[in-house]
Structures are given as structure tokens and as C-alpha cells.
Amino acid sequence: MSDNPLTLSLLTNSFLIIIFILNQNDNSKDSSSSQKTNGAITFFERLTWISLIVQLSLLIFQIKSTEL
């Protein structure tokens, strides 16, 4: 494994995404009787989407930087 900061950022962000998704799954199991109203997005959903966007951006940046 290299010590490239970009690679470490990708790895860290991947773990965060997995944790956020698992947290959402646990929350949905806990509140299976209550449903969302008005399409409200929870805090962890927002964090998950932000992390996914950051992950894709970092991945594209890493691919482009290694092509040069």
C-alpha cells in the first residue's frame, strides 16, 4: 500500500461510506413501523451522498493524475 495522500483519502472515505450505509440500514430496521413523510432526508443520508460524491471526485482525480 502506498503512502499517497489521495489513496489514503479514498480508503478513509470508503470506510465512512460503509459505516453510513450500515447506520442507515440499522435505523430503517429500528423504525420499520414509522415511515418517512414528505420525502425528508435524514442527516446520515446527506452524509452518505456527500461522501459518495467526494469519493467519485477523488477517484476521478486519482485516475487522471496517474494517466499523466
Protein backbone atom coordinates (compact mmCIF):
# COMPACT_ATOMS: atom_id res chain seq x y z
CA MET A 1 0.00 0.00 0.00
CA SER A 2 1.39 3.35 -0.97
CA ASP A 3 1.57 6.37 1.28
CA ASN A 4 -0.07 8.58 -1.30
CA PRO A 5 -2.43 11.02 0.49
CA LEU A 6 -5.01 10.62 -2.27
CA THR A 7 -5.08 6.86 -1.85
CA LEU A 8 -5.39 7.19 1.91
CA SER A 9 -8.26 9.67 1.45
CA LEU A 10 -10.06 7.25 -0.86
CA LEU A 11 -9.64 4.43 1.61
CA THR A 12 -10.84 6.50 4.56
CA ASN A 13 -13.81 7.80 2.64
CA SER A 14 -14.73 4.25 1.60
CA PHE A 15 -14.86 3.18 5.22
CA LEU A 16 -17.01 6.20 6.07
CA ILE A 17 -19.46 5.35 3.30
CA ILE A 18 -19.75 1.78 4.55
CA ILE A 19 -20.37 2.99 8.11
CA PHE A 20 -23.03 5.48 6.97
CA ILE A 21 -24.84 2.85 4.90
CA LEU A 22 -24.78 0.34 7.74
CA ASN A 23 -26.09 3.02 10.10
CA GLN A 24 -28.95 3.78 7.71
CA ASN A 25 -29.80 0.09 7.47
CA ASP A 26 -29.90 -0.20 11.26
CA ASN A 27 -32.07 2.90 11.54
CA SER A 28 -34.51 1.63 8.94
CA LYS A 29 -34.81 -1.70 10.78
CA ASP A 30 -35.42 0.11 14.09
CA SER A 31 -38.10 2.37 12.64
CA SER A 32 -39.77 -0.12 10.31
CA SER A 33 -43.21 0.81 11.62
CA SER A 34 -42.76 4.55 11.08
CA GLN A 35 -42.40 5.81 7.53
CA LYS A 36 -40.83 8.94 6.14
CA THR A 37 -43.16 11.76 5.35
CA ASN A 38 -42.71 14.43 2.69
CA GLY A 39 -39.51 12.76 1.44
CA ALA A 40 -37.42 14.17 4.27
CA ILE A 41 -33.76 13.21 4.04
CA THR A 42 -32.06 12.21 7.26
CA PHE A 43 -28.72 13.53 8.41
CA PHE A 44 -26.94 10.24 7.68
CA GLU A 45 -28.44 10.08 4.19
CA ARG A 46 -26.98 13.50 3.44
CA LEU A 47 -23.60 12.43 4.81
CA THR A 48 -23.72 9.29 2.69
CA TRP A 49 -24.50 11.21 -0.51
CA ILE A 50 -21.82 13.80 0.23
CA SER A 51 -19.30 11.04 0.90
CA LEU A 52 -20.21 9.28 -2.34
CA ILE A 53 -19.77 12.48 -4.34
CA VAL A 54 -16.42 13.14 -2.68
CA GLN A 55 -15.39 9.53 -3.33
CA LEU A 56 -16.20 9.75 -7.02
CA SER A 57 -14.41 13.09 -7.32
CA LEU A 58 -11.29 11.75 -5.63
CA LEU A 59 -11.36 8.63 -7.76
CA ILE A 60 -11.63 10.64 -10.98
CA PHE A 61 -8.81 12.89 -9.80
CA GLN A 62 -6.62 9.90 -8.99
CA ILE A 63 -7.30 8.27 -12.36
CA LYS A 64 -6.49 11.48 -14.21
CA SER A 65 -3.33 12.09 -12.20
CA THR A 66 -1.98 8.57 -12.84
CA GLU A 67 -2.65 8.85 -16.59
CA LEU A 68 -0.20 11.73 -16.84
